[in-house]
Amino acid sequence: MKKHTTVKQSLSSTDLSTCTTVAVDLAKQVFQIAGENALGQVLYEERIKSREAFHTFLRQLPPTIVVLMETGPGAQAWARQLQAQGSLARILPAQLVAKHRSGAKNDRNDAQAILRAGRDSKIAAVPIKSATALAMQALHRARQGYVRRRTAMSNQMRGLLMEHGITLAQGDAAINQTLPRVLEDATQPLPDMLRELVDELLGEWRQLGERINVLSGRLENAANEDKTARRLMSVRGIGPIIATALLAKQTDPERFANARQFAAYFGMVPEQNSSGQRVRLGRMSKRGDSYVRSLMVQGAHAVLRHLRPDSEQPDDRRLQRWQERLGRKEAAIRLANRNFRIVWVLLQNDQTYRSQPADGRPAAPSH
């Protein structure tokens, strides 16, 4: 006879009344529960082996209990369900929860690690995103996957041709224009088998480019329809892709004391290795969301590429000084850091960014 998993009667909401926090280690069908009181004492443990029973468990929770989870598949959906029923849910970064785990990695230790991480005031919860933000995030992840596959395929084709003494210049233009001529040139020392293979790879490479353009168009439409995204795109170096990526994160700017902390959240500050009175600053920390950070740096490089050397605008002169003193790469990182700080300001009001006029007077924000 098949056994049906249910929540034990002895572990009802009455028994949970002494708990202030409940941690859940999520999986597809198995859910490890641990509850603690205000003193940090673990008073409740349970292993639920079906999604239906977990639904029942969540509905029985008192509204005063905080439910902790770590980031992973399904965390956002469960958190939205808890919010809908009036409960408080917090999603903690999995990489920071792992630092609080003691002993072997198993579901029970993971649940208790979530409890300990929840008591750490230095760990900020991940925003619980709306369905629209998750859909926009899915577009970005699919597009990012296509970009990676397309880059890997272009490198593969270049490597295959280099084995036969044929080199291609960097960039998509060389593959899209030069490579077809190479394949059609009978004087090139390429076996027919390799010509056919590279031609097939070239066709797939072009198809990936079409898919990237389709998703980029969808993100551009979403950015043009969103008021906040349009305001973010008033900053030089921020286009539809970056604006929608920032919106998809749904990061609350009010949790940061200043703009510098917001930029540090995305890893745009030097790594620090200090001790005592000796302060050592190293390379960029690269902490936080690497995808948004890389997009912001790419946008900064685009601004520098189109910078006019004879421009008299104050913003352009500032960028010229950065390039002369630091080089283009360091100037791009500094501009990306500055743009993150401007974004922090724009996310807290209804203004748009306006560059400083040539007469040197501070620019008035546009509403």
Protein backbone atom coordinates (compact mmCIF):
# COMPACT_ATOMS: atom_id res chain seq x y z
CA MET A 1 0.00 0.00 0.00
CA LYS A 2 1.39 3.39 -1.00
CA LYS A 3 2.18 5.71 1.88
CA HIS A 4 1.01 9.32 1.76
CA THR A 5 3.18 11.93 3.45
CA THR A 6 1.31 14.38 5.66
CA VAL A 7 2.29 16.92 8.27
CA LYS A 8 2.24 15.32 11.69
CA GLN A 9 -0.56 16.39 13.98
CA SER A 10 1.88 16.85 16.86
CA LEU A 11 3.77 19.44 14.82
CA SER A 12 0.83 21.72 14.05
CA SER A 13 0.85 25.51 14.11
CA THR A 14 0.24 25.36 17.87
CA ASP A 15 3.65 23.76 18.34
CA LEU A 16 5.18 26.40 16.10
CA SER A 17 3.80 29.23 18.20
CA THR A 18 7.07 29.42 20.19
CA CYS A 19 9.15 29.77 17.00
CA THR A 20 9.95 33.14 15.52
CA THR A 21 11.84 31.92 12.44
CA VAL A 22 11.51 28.88 10.20
CA ALA A 23 14.16 27.85 7.67
CA VAL A 24 13.37 25.69 4.64
CA ASP A 25 15.89 23.76 2.58
CA LEU A 26 14.11 23.52 -0.77
CA ALA A 27 14.12 20.71 -3.30
CA LYS A 28 11.68 19.42 -5.91
CA GLN A 29 9.80 17.03 -3.63
CA VAL A 30 11.65 16.97 -0.28
CA PHE A 31 11.65 19.95 2.11
CA GLN A 32 13.72 20.06 5.29
CA ILE A 33 12.26 22.36 7.97
CA ALA A 34 13.97 23.86 11.02
CA GLY A 35 12.46 26.38 13.43
CA GLU A 36 14.01 28.45 16.20
CA ASN A 37 12.86 30.84 18.91
CA ALA A 38 14.01 34.39 19.58
CA LEU A 39 17.05 33.06 21.50
CA GLY A 40 18.28 31.06 18.53
CA GLN A 41 17.35 27.68 19.99
CA VAL A 42 16.19 25.11 17.42
CA LEU A 43 12.82 23.85 18.67
CA TYR A 44 11.33 22.34 15.56
CA GLU A 45 12.54 19.99 12.82
CA GLU A 46 10.59 18.16 10.17
CA ARG A 47 11.16 16.54 6.77
CA ILE A 48 8.30 16.90 4.32
CA LYS A 49 8.35 14.60 1.31
CA SER A 50 5.73 16.03 -1.02
CA ARG A 51 4.85 19.42 -2.46
CA GLU A 52 1.21 19.04 -1.40
CA ALA A 53 2.20 18.52 2.23
CA PHE A 54 4.56 21.51 2.03
CA HIS A 55 1.69 23.65 0.73
CA THR A 56 -0.35 22.57 3.74
CA PHE A 57 2.53 23.34 6.08
CA LEU A 58 2.91 26.88 4.74
CA ARG A 59 -0.81 27.59 5.06
CA GLN A 60 -0.71 26.53 8.73
CA LEU A 61 2.15 28.88 9.63
CA PRO A 62 1.29 31.77 11.95
CA PRO A 63 1.70 35.14 10.21
CA THR A 64 4.26 36.25 12.81
CA ILE A 65 6.83 33.64 11.75
CA VAL A 66 9.59 34.66 9.33
CA VAL A 67 10.30 32.02 6.66
CA LEU A 68 13.89 31.81 5.43
CA MET A 69 15.05 30.19 2.19
CA GLU A 70 18.21 30.28 0.13
CA THR A 71 18.40 31.22 -3.51
CA GLY A 72 17.71 28.40 -5.92
CA PRO A 73 15.04 27.00 -8.24
CA GLY A 74 11.57 27.56 -6.81
CA ALA A 75 12.55 30.01 -4.07
CA GLN A 76 10.91 32.98 -5.77
CA ALA A 77 7.64 31.10 -6.36
CA TRP A 78 7.39 29.91 -2.75
CA ALA A 79 8.25 33.39 -1.47
CA ARG A 80 5.50 34.97 -3.57
CA GLN A 81 3.03 32.42 -2.22
CA LEU A 82 4.00 33.33 1.34
CA GLN A 83 3.61 37.02 0.57
CA ALA A 84 0.17 36.40 -0.90
CA GLN A 85 -1.02 34.77 2.32
CA GLY A 86 0.40 37.59 4.46
CA SER A 87 3.54 35.85 5.74
CA LEU A 88 7.03 37.32 5.77
CA ALA A 89 9.57 35.54 3.57
CA ARG A 90 13.29 36.19 3.10
CA ILE A 91 15.55 34.69 0.44
CA LEU A 92 19.23 34.57 1.39
CA PRO A 93 22.19 34.25 -1.04
CA ALA A 94 23.20 30.59 -1.21
CA GLN A 95 26.94 31.34 -1.32
CA LEU A 96 26.69 33.22 1.99
CA VAL A 97 24.49 30.56 3.59
CA ALA A 98 27.14 27.94 2.79
CA LYS A 99 29.63 29.80 4.99
CA HIS A 100 27.37 29.21 7.99
CA ARG A 101 27.05 25.45 7.45
CA SER A 102 28.68 23.26 10.09
CA GLY A 103 29.47 19.61 9.47
CA ALA A 104 28.69 17.52 6.41
CA LYS A 105 26.46 18.83 3.68
CA ASN A 106 23.01 17.38 4.09
CA ASP A 107 19.48 18.74 4.23
CA ARG A 108 19.38 19.01 8.03
CA ASN A 109 22.66 20.93 8.26
CA ASP A 110 21.62 23.12 5.32
CA ALA A 111 18.38 24.11 7.07
CA GLN A 112 20.22 25.01 10.25
CA ALA A 113 22.80 26.96 8.23
CA ILE A 114 19.94 29.02 6.80
CA LEU A 115 18.82 29.78 10.36
CA ARG A 116 22.30 30.95 11.35
CA ALA A 117 22.62 33.02 8.18
CA GLY A 118 19.27 34.64 8.96
CA ARG A 119 20.68 35.90 12.26
CA ASP A 120 23.64 37.49 10.45
CA SER A 121 22.68 41.15 10.08
CA LYS A 122 25.38 41.63 7.43
CA ILE A 123 23.57 39.36 4.96
CA ALA A 124 20.98 41.23 2.91
CA ALA A 125 18.02 39.30 1.56
CA VAL A 126 17.56 38.83 -2.18
CA PRO A 127 14.57 40.83 -3.50
CA ILE A 128 11.39 38.84 -4.06
CA LYS A 129 10.70 39.57 -7.70
CA SER A 130 7.44 39.98 -9.52
CA ALA A 131 6.41 37.65 -12.33
CA THR A 132 7.17 40.40 -14.84
CA ALA A 133 10.70 40.91 -13.50
CA LEU A 134 11.35 37.15 -13.59
CA ALA A 135 10.17 37.02 -17.20
CA MET A 136 12.52 39.89 -18.10
CA GLN A 137 15.33 38.08 -16.26
CA ALA A 138 14.58 34.95 -18.30
CA LEU A 139 14.99 36.93 -21.53
CA HIS A 140 18.38 38.15 -20.34
CA ARG A 141 19.54 34.68 -19.36
CA ALA A 142 18.46 33.18 -22.68
CA ARG A 143 20.17 35.99 -24.57
CA GLN A 144 23.32 35.62 -22.51
CA GLY A 145 23.37 31.89 -23.29
CA TYR A 146 23.09 32.59 -27.02
CA VAL A 147 25.92 35.14 -26.81
CA ARG A 148 28.19 32.67 -25.05
CA ARG A 149 27.46 29.89 -27.54
CA ARG A 150 27.99 32.24 -30.48
CA THR A 151 31.33 33.46 -29.09
CA ALA A 152 32.47 29.89 -28.44
CA MET A 153 31.48 28.89 -31.98
CA SER A 154 33.38 31.78 -33.55
CA ASN A 155 36.48 30.84 -31.55
CA GLN A 156 36.06 27.23 -32.62
CA MET A 157 35.90 28.14 -36.32
CA ARG A 158 38.98 30.34 -36.01
CA GLY A 159 40.87 27.54 -34.27
CA LEU A 160 39.93 24.96 -36.90
CA LEU A 161 41.12 27.22 -39.71
CA MET A 162 44.36 28.14 -37.93
CA GLU A 163 45.32 24.45 -37.98
CA HIS A 164 45.51 24.85 -41.76
CA GLY A 165 47.35 28.18 -41.73
CA ILE A 166 44.31 30.43 -42.26
CA THR A 167 43.78 33.28 -39.79
CA LEU A 168 40.76 35.56 -39.44
CA ALA A 169 40.66 39.01 -37.92
CA GLN A 170 38.80 39.61 -34.67
CA GLY A 171 35.17 40.63 -34.80
CA ASP A 172 31.95 39.40 -36.34
CA ALA A 173 32.63 41.10 -39.68
CA ALA A 174 35.55 38.76 -40.41
CA ILE A 175 33.38 35.68 -39.87
CA ASN A 176 30.33 37.06 -41.63
CA GLN A 177 32.15 38.40 -44.70
CA THR A 178 35.68 37.00 -44.93
CA LEU A 179 34.95 33.40 -43.90
CA PRO A 180 32.45 32.68 -46.74
CA ARG A 181 35.04 33.88 -49.28
CA VAL A 182 37.65 31.61 -47.74
CA LEU A 183 35.34 28.61 -47.97
CA GLU A 184 34.54 29.35 -51.63
CA ASP A 185 38.19 29.85 -52.57
CA ALA A 186 39.42 26.59 -54.11
CA THR A 187 43.05 27.68 -53.73
CA GLN A 188 42.85 27.55 -49.94
CA PRO A 189 44.42 24.35 -48.50
CA LEU A 190 41.23 23.09 -46.89
CA PRO A 191 39.89 19.52 -47.19
CA ASP A 192 36.33 19.27 -48.48
CA MET A 193 35.27 17.61 -45.25
CA LEU A 194 36.45 20.63 -43.25
CA ARG A 195 34.83 23.09 -45.67
CA GLU A 196 31.46 21.42 -45.14
CA LEU A 197 31.88 21.38 -41.36
CA VAL A 198 32.86 25.05 -41.11
CA ASP A 199 30.01 26.00 -43.45
CA GLU A 200 27.56 24.21 -41.12
CA LEU A 201 29.05 25.96 -38.11
CA LEU A 202 28.78 29.29 -39.92
CA GLY A 203 25.08 28.69 -40.56
CA GLU A 204 24.47 27.90 -36.90
CA TRP A 205 26.51 30.96 -35.89
CA ARG A 206 24.27 33.17 -38.02
CA GLN A 207 21.12 31.59 -36.58
CA LEU A 208 22.33 32.38 -33.08
CA GLY A 209 22.89 35.96 -34.16
CA GLU A 210 19.30 36.15 -35.35
CA ARG A 211 18.04 34.79 -32.03
CA ILE A 212 20.13 37.36 -30.16
CA ASN A 213 18.66 40.15 -32.29
CA VAL A 214 15.11 38.92 -31.62
CA LEU A 215 15.61 38.88 -27.84
CA SER A 216 17.42 42.23 -27.96
CA GLY A 217 14.41 43.68 -29.77
CA ARG A 218 12.05 42.37 -27.10
CA LEU A 219 14.16 43.89 -24.35
CA GLU A 220 14.32 47.18 -26.25
CA ASN A 221 10.53 47.26 -26.53
CA ALA A 222 10.19 46.51 -22.82
CA ALA A 223 12.63 49.32 -22.01
CA ASN A 224 10.78 51.84 -24.16
CA GLU A 225 7.48 50.96 -22.48
CA ASP A 226 8.83 51.32 -18.93
CA LYS A 227 9.13 54.79 -17.44
CA THR A 228 12.00 53.93 -15.10
CA ALA A 229 13.97 52.26 -17.88
CA ARG A 230 13.61 55.34 -20.07
CA ARG A 231 14.99 57.49 -17.26
CA LEU A 232 17.95 55.15 -16.79
CA MET A 233 18.71 55.29 -20.51
CA SER A 234 19.27 59.04 -20.18
CA VAL A 235 22.70 58.15 -18.72
CA ARG A 236 25.52 57.81 -21.25
CA GLY A 237 26.56 54.19 -21.52
CA ILE A 238 23.20 52.75 -20.47
CA GLY A 239 20.96 51.36 -23.20
CA PRO A 240 17.90 49.09 -23.26
CA ILE A 241 19.85 45.93 -22.36
CA ILE A 242 21.48 47.46 -19.27
CA ALA A 243 18.31 49.30 -18.20
CA THR A 244 16.15 46.17 -18.32
CA ALA A 245 18.87 44.14 -16.56
CA LEU A 246 18.86 46.65 -13.70
CA LEU A 247 15.06 46.57 -13.51
CA ALA A 248 15.01 42.76 -13.49
CA LYS A 249 17.18 42.73 -10.37
CA GLN A 250 14.63 44.87 -8.49
CA THR A 251 17.36 46.03 -6.10
CA ASP A 252 16.00 48.41 -3.48
CA PRO A 253 18.26 51.50 -3.52
CA GLU A 254 17.12 52.50 -0.03
CA ARG A 255 19.04 49.61 1.52
CA PHE A 256 22.30 51.37 0.57
CA ALA A 257 23.47 54.32 2.66
CA ASN A 258 25.07 56.06 -0.31
CA ALA A 259 25.87 55.69 -3.99
CA ARG A 260 29.32 54.26 -3.28
CA GLN A 261 27.82 51.29 -1.47
CA PHE A 262 25.50 50.70 -4.43
CA ALA A 263 28.48 50.56 -6.79
CA ALA A 264 30.31 48.28 -4.35
CA TYR A 265 27.29 45.94 -4.39
CA PHE A 266 28.11 45.26 -8.06
CA GLY A 267 31.83 44.82 -7.39
CA MET A 268 32.97 48.15 -8.86
CA VAL A 269 35.41 48.93 -6.04
CA PRO A 270 39.01 47.82 -5.34
CA GLU A 271 39.58 44.63 -3.39
CA GLN A 272 40.89 45.37 0.09
CA ASN A 273 43.53 43.42 1.99
CA SER A 274 44.24 45.65 4.97
CA SER A 275 45.51 45.04 8.45
CA GLY A 276 46.06 47.52 11.27
CA GLN A 277 47.20 50.87 9.96
CA ARG A 278 48.27 49.43 6.63
CA VAL A 279 45.63 49.80 3.91
CA ARG A 280 46.12 47.74 0.76
CA LEU A 281 43.83 48.18 -2.22
CA GLY A 282 44.07 45.74 -5.10
CA ARG A 283 42.19 45.07 -8.29
CA MET A 284 38.45 45.39 -8.77
CA SER A 285 36.66 43.09 -6.33
CA LYS A 286 34.25 41.71 -9.00
CA ARG A 287 31.73 40.77 -6.35
CA GLY A 288 28.02 40.84 -6.90
CA ASP A 289 26.20 40.39 -10.20
CA SER A 290 28.88 39.76 -12.83
CA TYR A 291 26.36 40.00 -15.69
CA VAL A 292 25.17 43.53 -14.88
CA ARG A 293 28.72 44.63 -14.08
CA SER A 294 30.05 43.37 -17.42
CA LEU A 295 27.21 45.06 -19.29
CA MET A 296 27.95 48.35 -17.55
CA VAL A 297 31.67 48.12 -18.43
CA GLN A 298 30.80 47.30 -22.06
CA GLY A 299 28.54 50.34 -22.18
CA ALA A 300 31.35 52.50 -20.79
CA HIS A 301 33.73 51.22 -23.48
CA ALA A 302 31.14 52.15 -26.12
CA VAL A 303 31.04 55.70 -24.78
CA LEU A 304 34.83 55.99 -24.91
CA ARG A 305 34.97 54.63 -28.46
CA HIS A 306 32.64 57.37 -29.67
CA LEU A 307 34.30 60.12 -27.65
CA ARG A 308 35.28 63.11 -29.78
CA PRO A 309 38.81 64.35 -29.00
CA ASP A 310 37.88 67.96 -29.81
CA SER A 311 34.76 68.04 -27.63
CA GLU A 312 34.44 70.92 -25.17
CA GLN A 313 31.70 69.34 -23.05
CA PRO A 314 32.69 68.98 -19.37
CA ASP A 315 31.74 65.29 -19.28
CA ASP A 316 33.81 64.59 -22.38
CA ARG A 317 36.81 66.48 -21.02
CA ARG A 318 36.60 64.46 -17.83
CA LEU A 319 36.66 61.21 -19.80
CA GLN A 320 39.59 62.47 -21.87
CA ARG A 321 41.57 63.18 -18.71
CA TRP A 322 40.79 59.72 -17.39
CA GLN A 323 41.97 58.09 -20.60
CA GLU A 324 45.20 60.10 -20.67
CA ARG A 325 46.02 59.34 -17.05
CA LEU A 326 44.68 55.80 -16.63
CA GLY A 327 44.26 54.30 -20.09
CA ARG A 328 41.05 53.28 -21.82
CA LYS A 329 40.34 50.16 -19.72
CA GLU A 330 40.70 51.90 -16.36
CA ALA A 331 38.74 54.88 -17.65
CA ALA A 332 35.89 52.56 -18.67
CA ILE A 333 35.81 50.99 -15.20
CA ARG A 334 35.75 54.43 -13.60
CA LEU A 335 32.90 55.52 -15.88
CA ALA A 336 30.96 52.34 -15.08
CA ASN A 337 31.41 53.06 -11.38
CA ARG A 338 30.14 56.60 -11.90
CA ASN A 339 27.14 55.35 -13.86
CA PHE A 340 26.21 52.96 -11.05
CA ARG A 341 26.21 55.90 -8.66
CA ILE A 342 24.00 57.93 -10.98
CA VAL A 343 21.60 54.97 -11.26
CA TRP A 344 21.34 54.85 -7.46
CA VAL A 345 20.13 58.47 -7.49
CA LEU A 346 17.71 57.99 -10.38
CA LEU A 347 16.09 54.93 -8.80
CA GLN A 348 15.02 57.05 -5.82
CA ASN A 349 13.22 59.82 -7.71
CA ASP A 350 11.46 60.65 -10.98
CA GLN A 351 14.33 62.60 -12.52
CA THR A 352 16.37 61.99 -15.67
CA TYR A 353 20.10 62.55 -15.99
CA ARG A 354 21.33 65.70 -17.70
CA SER A 355 25.02 66.26 -18.38
CA GLN A 356 26.75 69.39 -17.18
CA PRO A 357 26.43 72.23 -19.72
CA ALA A 358 29.50 73.71 -21.40
CA ASP A 359 29.28 76.95 -19.38
CA GLY A 360 30.26 75.03 -16.23
CA ARG A 361 27.06 75.64 -14.31
CA PRO A 362 25.57 72.58 -12.58
CA ALA A 363 22.83 70.95 -14.62
CA ALA A 364 19.32 71.06 -13.25
CA PRO A 365 17.67 67.63 -13.10
CA SER A 366 14.86 67.04 -15.54
CA HIS A 367 11.49 65.84 -14.26
